[in-house]
Amino acid sequence: MRRAARAGGRRCPYLTEGPHKGQHIAPEALRVIQEWNGDEWETVCVAERLGRG
């Protein structure tokens, strides 16, 4: 039986088309700050740089 996913995790993918790549590919691209609610990723905000999110 699968364990329940823990809520609260965060990720910060780039807001670009195609597969997500390293920061050096599009350093000026906006980032989407997302948080895991236990079932799916929810968008929290959009930031210019990770430190501003």
PDB file of N, CA and C in Angstrom:
ATOM      1  N   MET A   1       0.843  -1.180   0.000  1.00  0.00           N
ATOM      2  CA  MET A   1       0.000   0.000   0.000  1.00  0.00           C
ATOM      3  C   MET A   1       0.890   1.245   0.000  1.00  0.00           C
ATOM      4  N   ARG A   2       0.511   2.220  -0.765  1.00  0.00           N
ATOM      5  CA  ARG A   2       1.294   3.446  -0.885  1.00  0.00           C
ATOM      6  C   ARG A   2       1.054   4.374   0.296  1.00  0.00           C
ATOM      7  N   ARG A   3       2.142   4.962   0.785  1.00  0.00           N
ATOM      8  CA  ARG A   3       2.010   5.932   1.870  1.00  0.00           C
ATOM      9  C   ARG A   3       1.403   7.219   1.346  1.00  0.00           C
ATOM     10  N   ALA A   4       0.680   7.931   2.181  1.00  0.00           N
ATOM     11  CA  ALA A   4       0.123   9.231   1.808  1.00  0.00           C
ATOM     12  C   ALA A   4       1.262  10.222   1.610  1.00  0.00           C
ATOM     13  N   ALA A   5       1.175  11.016   0.557  1.00  0.00           N
ATOM     14  CA  ALA A   5       2.207  12.023   0.281  1.00  0.00           C
ATOM     15  C   ALA A   5       2.139  13.135   1.321  1.00  0.00           C
ATOM     16  N   ARG A   6       3.297  13.579   1.740  1.00  0.00           N
ATOM     17  CA  ARG A   6       3.374  14.625   2.743  1.00  0.00           C
ATOM     18  C   ARG A   6       3.164  15.995   2.107  1.00  0.00           C
ATOM     19  N   ALA A   7       2.293  16.787   2.650  1.00  0.00           N
ATOM     20  CA  ALA A   7       2.015  18.132   2.145  1.00  0.00           C
ATOM     21  C   ALA A   7       3.129  19.091   2.561  1.00  0.00           C
ATOM     22  N   GLY A   8       3.256  20.187   1.841  1.00  0.00           N
ATOM     23  CA  GLY A   8       4.188  21.238   2.220  1.00  0.00           C
ATOM     24  C   GLY A   8       5.433  21.349   1.375  1.00  0.00           C
ATOM     25  N   GLY A   9       5.697  20.384   0.503  1.00  0.00           N
ATOM     26  CA  GLY A   9       6.874  20.474  -0.355  1.00  0.00           C
ATOM     27  C   GLY A   9       6.735  21.610  -1.357  1.00  0.00           C
ATOM     28  N   ARG A  10       7.851  22.179  -1.769  1.00  0.00           N
ATOM     29  CA  ARG A  10       7.818  23.273  -2.746  1.00  0.00           C
ATOM     30  C   ARG A  10       8.710  22.973  -3.922  1.00  0.00           C
ATOM     31  N   ARG A  11       8.354  23.530  -5.075  1.00  0.00           N
ATOM     32  CA  ARG A  11       9.201  23.493  -6.260  1.00  0.00           C
ATOM     33  C   ARG A  11       9.049  24.809  -6.993  1.00  0.00           C
ATOM     34  N   CYS A  12      10.015  25.113  -7.836  1.00  0.00           N
ATOM     35  CA  CYS A  12      10.048  26.415  -8.501  1.00  0.00           C
ATOM     36  C   CYS A  12      10.413  26.267  -9.976  1.00  0.00           C
ATOM     37  N   PRO A  13       9.562  25.660 -10.795  1.00  0.00           N
ATOM     38  CA  PRO A  13       9.889  25.513 -12.211  1.00  0.00           C
ATOM     39  C   PRO A  13       9.811  26.850 -12.944  1.00  0.00           C
ATOM     40  N   TYR A  14      10.520  26.925 -14.066  1.00  0.00           N
ATOM     41  CA  TYR A  14      10.470  28.121 -14.890  1.00  0.00           C
ATOM     42  C   TYR A  14       9.172  28.190 -15.658  1.00  0.00           C
ATOM     43  N   LEU A  15       8.701  29.386 -15.920  1.00  0.00           N
ATOM     44  CA  LEU A  15       7.488  29.601 -16.692  1.00  0.00           C
ATOM     45  C   LEU A  15       7.889  29.740 -18.164  1.00  0.00           C
ATOM     46  N   THR A  16       8.257  28.616 -18.769  1.00  0.00           N
ATOM     47  CA  THR A  16       8.692  28.576 -20.161  1.00  0.00           C
ATOM     48  C   THR A  16       8.018  27.406 -20.863  1.00  0.00           C
ATOM     49  N   GLU A  17       8.079  27.418 -22.183  1.00  0.00           N
ATOM     50  CA  GLU A  17       7.535  26.309 -22.956  1.00  0.00           C
ATOM     51  C   GLU A  17       8.540  25.169 -22.999  1.00  0.00           C
ATOM     52  N   GLY A  18       8.044  23.974 -23.215  1.00  0.00           N
ATOM     53  CA  GLY A  18       8.921  22.823 -23.354  1.00  0.00           C
ATOM     54  C   GLY A  18       9.388  22.278 -22.023  1.00  0.00           C
ATOM     55  N   PRO A  19      10.324  21.341 -22.080  1.00  0.00           N
ATOM     56  CA  PRO A  19      10.817  20.720 -20.846  1.00  0.00           C
ATOM     57  C   PRO A  19      11.591  21.721 -19.987  1.00  0.00           C
ATOM     58  N   HIS A  20      11.514  21.538 -18.681  1.00  0.00           N
ATOM     59  CA  HIS A  20      12.226  22.429 -17.757  1.00  0.00           C
ATOM     60  C   HIS A  20      13.709  22.090 -17.795  1.00  0.00           C
ATOM     61  N   LYS A  21      14.533  23.116 -17.984  1.00  0.00           N
ATOM     62  CA  LYS A  21      15.979  22.930 -18.073  1.00  0.00           C
ATOM     63  C   LYS A  21      16.662  23.777 -17.017  1.00  0.00           C
ATOM     64  N   GLY A  22      17.978  23.769 -17.013  1.00  0.00           N
ATOM     65  CA  GLY A  22      18.744  24.515 -16.021  1.00  0.00           C
ATOM     66  C   GLY A  22      18.588  26.024 -16.149  1.00  0.00           C
ATOM     67  N   GLN A  23      18.974  26.709 -15.093  1.00  0.00           N
ATOM     68  CA  GLN A  23      18.848  28.161 -15.032  1.00  0.00           C
ATOM     69  C   GLN A  23      19.645  28.859 -16.125  1.00  0.00           C
ATOM     70  N   HIS A  24      20.745  28.274 -16.560  1.00  0.00           N
ATOM     71  CA  HIS A  24      21.595  28.906 -17.560  1.00  0.00           C
ATOM     72  C   HIS A  24      20.923  28.962 -18.937  1.00  0.00           C
ATOM     73  N   ILE A  25      19.860  28.185 -19.163  1.00  0.00           N
ATOM     74  CA  ILE A  25      19.166  28.183 -20.447  1.00  0.00           C
ATOM     75  C   ILE A  25      18.335  29.454 -20.616  1.00  0.00           C
ATOM     76  N   ALA A  26      17.616  29.866 -19.588  1.00  0.00           N
ATOM     77  CA  ALA A  26      16.762  31.061 -19.649  1.00  0.00           C
ATOM     78  C   ALA A  26      16.790  31.776 -18.299  1.00  0.00           C
ATOM     79  N   PRO A  27      17.902  32.431 -17.962  1.00  0.00           N
ATOM     80  CA  PRO A  27      18.020  33.043 -16.633  1.00  0.00           C
ATOM     81  C   PRO A  27      17.018  34.164 -16.377  1.00  0.00           C
ATOM     82  N   GLU A  28      16.490  34.779 -17.440  1.00  0.00           N
ATOM     83  CA  GLU A  28      15.542  35.886 -17.284  1.00  0.00           C
ATOM     84  C   GLU A  28      14.094  35.416 -17.167  1.00  0.00           C
ATOM     85  N   ALA A  29      13.849  34.128 -17.305  1.00  0.00           N
ATOM     86  CA  ALA A  29      12.488  33.585 -17.282  1.00  0.00           C
ATOM     87  C   ALA A  29      11.875  33.681 -15.885  1.00  0.00           C
ATOM     88  N   LEU A  30      10.568  33.907 -15.849  1.00  0.00           N
ATOM     89  CA  LEU A  30       9.841  33.936 -14.589  1.00  0.00           C
ATOM     90  C   LEU A  30       9.772  32.525 -14.006  1.00  0.00           C
ATOM     91  N   ARG A  31       9.611  32.455 -12.697  1.00  0.00           N
ATOM     92  CA  ARG A  31       9.482  31.161 -12.021  1.00  0.00           C
ATOM     93  C   ARG A  31       8.106  31.061 -11.387  1.00  0.00           C
ATOM     94  N   VAL A  32       7.550  29.868 -11.375  1.00  0.00           N
ATOM     95  CA  VAL A  32       6.270  29.600 -10.737  1.00  0.00           C
ATOM     96  C   VAL A  32       6.579  28.908  -9.416  1.00  0.00           C
ATOM     97  N   ILE A  33       6.163  29.482  -8.312  1.00  0.00           N
ATOM     98  CA  ILE A  33       6.370  28.873  -7.011  1.00  0.00           C
ATOM     99  C   ILE A  33       5.149  28.001  -6.730  1.00  0.00           C
ATOM    100  N   GLN A  34       5.380  26.690  -6.564  1.00  0.00           N
ATOM    101  CA  GLN A  34       4.288  25.748  -6.348  1.00  0.00           C
ATOM    102  C   GLN A  34       4.494  24.998  -5.046  1.00  0.00           C
ATOM    103  N   GLU A  35       3.390  24.659  -4.402  1.00  0.00           N
ATOM    104  CA  GLU A  35       3.435  23.923  -3.142  1.00  0.00           C
ATOM    105  C   GLU A  35       2.580  22.666  -3.258  1.00  0.00           C
ATOM    106  N   TRP A  36       3.084  21.558  -2.728  1.00  0.00           N
ATOM    107  CA  TRP A  36       2.376  20.285  -2.762  1.00  0.00           C
ATOM    108  C   TRP A  36       1.359  20.249  -1.634  1.00  0.00           C
ATOM    109  N   ASN A  37       0.071  20.001  -1.953  1.00  0.00           N
ATOM    110  CA  ASN A  37      -0.969  19.980  -0.922  1.00  0.00           C
ATOM    111  C   ASN A  37      -1.305  18.564  -0.460  1.00  0.00           C
ATOM    112  N   GLY A  38      -0.556  17.588  -0.943  1.00  0.00           N
ATOM    113  CA  GLY A  38      -0.810  16.198  -0.595  1.00  0.00           C
ATOM    114  C   GLY A  38      -1.422  15.423  -1.752  1.00  0.00           C
ATOM    115  N   ASP A  39      -2.054  16.142  -2.697  1.00  0.00           N
ATOM    116  CA  ASP A  39      -2.674  15.509  -3.861  1.00  0.00           C
ATOM    117  C   ASP A  39      -2.144  16.048  -5.180  1.00  0.00           C
ATOM    118  N   GLU A  40      -1.840  17.359  -5.223  1.00  0.00           N
ATOM    119  CA  GLU A  40      -1.392  17.985  -6.464  1.00  0.00           C
ATOM    120  C   GLU A  40      -0.578  19.243  -6.161  1.00  0.00           C
ATOM    121  N   TRP A  41       0.139  19.726  -7.181  1.00  0.00           N
ATOM    122  CA  TRP A  41       0.915  20.955  -7.049  1.00  0.00           C
ATOM    123  C   TRP A  41      -0.016  22.147  -7.250  1.00  0.00           C
ATOM    124  N   GLU A  42      -0.010  23.088  -6.298  1.00  0.00           N
ATOM    125  CA  GLU A  42      -0.806  24.306  -6.392  1.00  0.00           C
ATOM    126  C   GLU A  42       0.132  25.485  -6.592  1.00  0.00           C
ATOM    127  N   THR A  43      -0.211  26.380  -7.517  1.00  0.00           N
ATOM    128  CA  THR A  43       0.598  27.567  -7.747  1.00  0.00           C
ATOM    129  C   THR A  43       0.366  28.557  -6.616  1.00  0.00           C
ATOM    130  N   VAL A  44       1.460  29.017  -6.001  1.00  0.00           N
ATOM    131  CA  VAL A  44       1.393  29.966  -4.903  1.00  0.00           C
ATOM    132  C   VAL A  44       1.594  31.381  -5.428  1.00  0.00           C
ATOM    133  N   CYS A  45       2.598  31.554  -6.300  1.00  0.00           N
ATOM    134  CA  CYS A  45       2.868  32.867  -6.878  1.00  0.00           C
ATOM    135  C   CYS A  45       3.822  32.716  -8.072  1.00  0.00           C
ATOM    136  N   VAL A  46       4.050  33.827  -8.744  1.00  0.00           N
ATOM    137  CA  VAL A  46       5.025  33.899  -9.839  1.00  0.00           C
ATOM    138  C   VAL A  46       6.049  34.936  -9.424  1.00  0.00           C
ATOM    139  N   ALA A  47       7.337  34.622  -9.605  1.00  0.00           N
ATOM    140  CA  ALA A  47       8.397  35.532  -9.175  1.00  0.00           C
ATOM    141  C   ALA A  47       9.445  35.706 -10.272  1.00  0.00           C
ATOM    142  N   GLU A  48      10.068  36.894 -10.304  1.00  0.00           N
ATOM    143  CA  GLU A  48      11.161  37.149 -11.256  1.00  0.00           C
ATOM    144  C   GLU A  48      12.382  36.320 -10.903  1.00  0.00           C
ATOM    145  N   ARG A  49      12.680  36.246  -9.612  1.00  0.00           N
ATOM    146  CA  ARG A  49      13.823  35.471  -9.131  1.00  0.00           C
ATOM    147  C   ARG A  49      13.372  34.651  -7.942  1.00  0.00           C
ATOM    148  N   LEU A  50      14.010  33.527  -7.727  1.00  0.00           N
ATOM    149  CA  LEU A  50      13.630  32.619  -6.666  1.00  0.00           C
ATOM    150  C   LEU A  50      13.644  33.303  -5.293  1.00  0.00           C
ATOM    151  N   GLY A  51      14.581  34.166  -5.037  1.00  0.00           N
ATOM    152  CA  GLY A  51      14.668  34.863  -3.762  1.00  0.00           C
ATOM    153  C   GLY A  51      13.517  35.814  -3.504  1.00  0.00           C
ATOM    154  N   ARG A  52      12.800  36.219  -4.539  1.00  0.00           N
ATOM    155  CA  ARG A  52      11.680  37.136  -4.387  1.00  0.00           C
ATOM    156  C   ARG A  52      10.345  36.440  -4.186  1.00  0.00           C
ATOM    157  N   GLY A  53      10.320  35.107  -4.345  1.00  0.00           N
ATOM    158  CA  GLY A  53       9.055  34.342  -4.300  1.00  0.00           C
ATOM    159  C   GLY A  53       8.484  34.157  -2.948  1.00  0.00           C
TER     160      GLY A  53
END
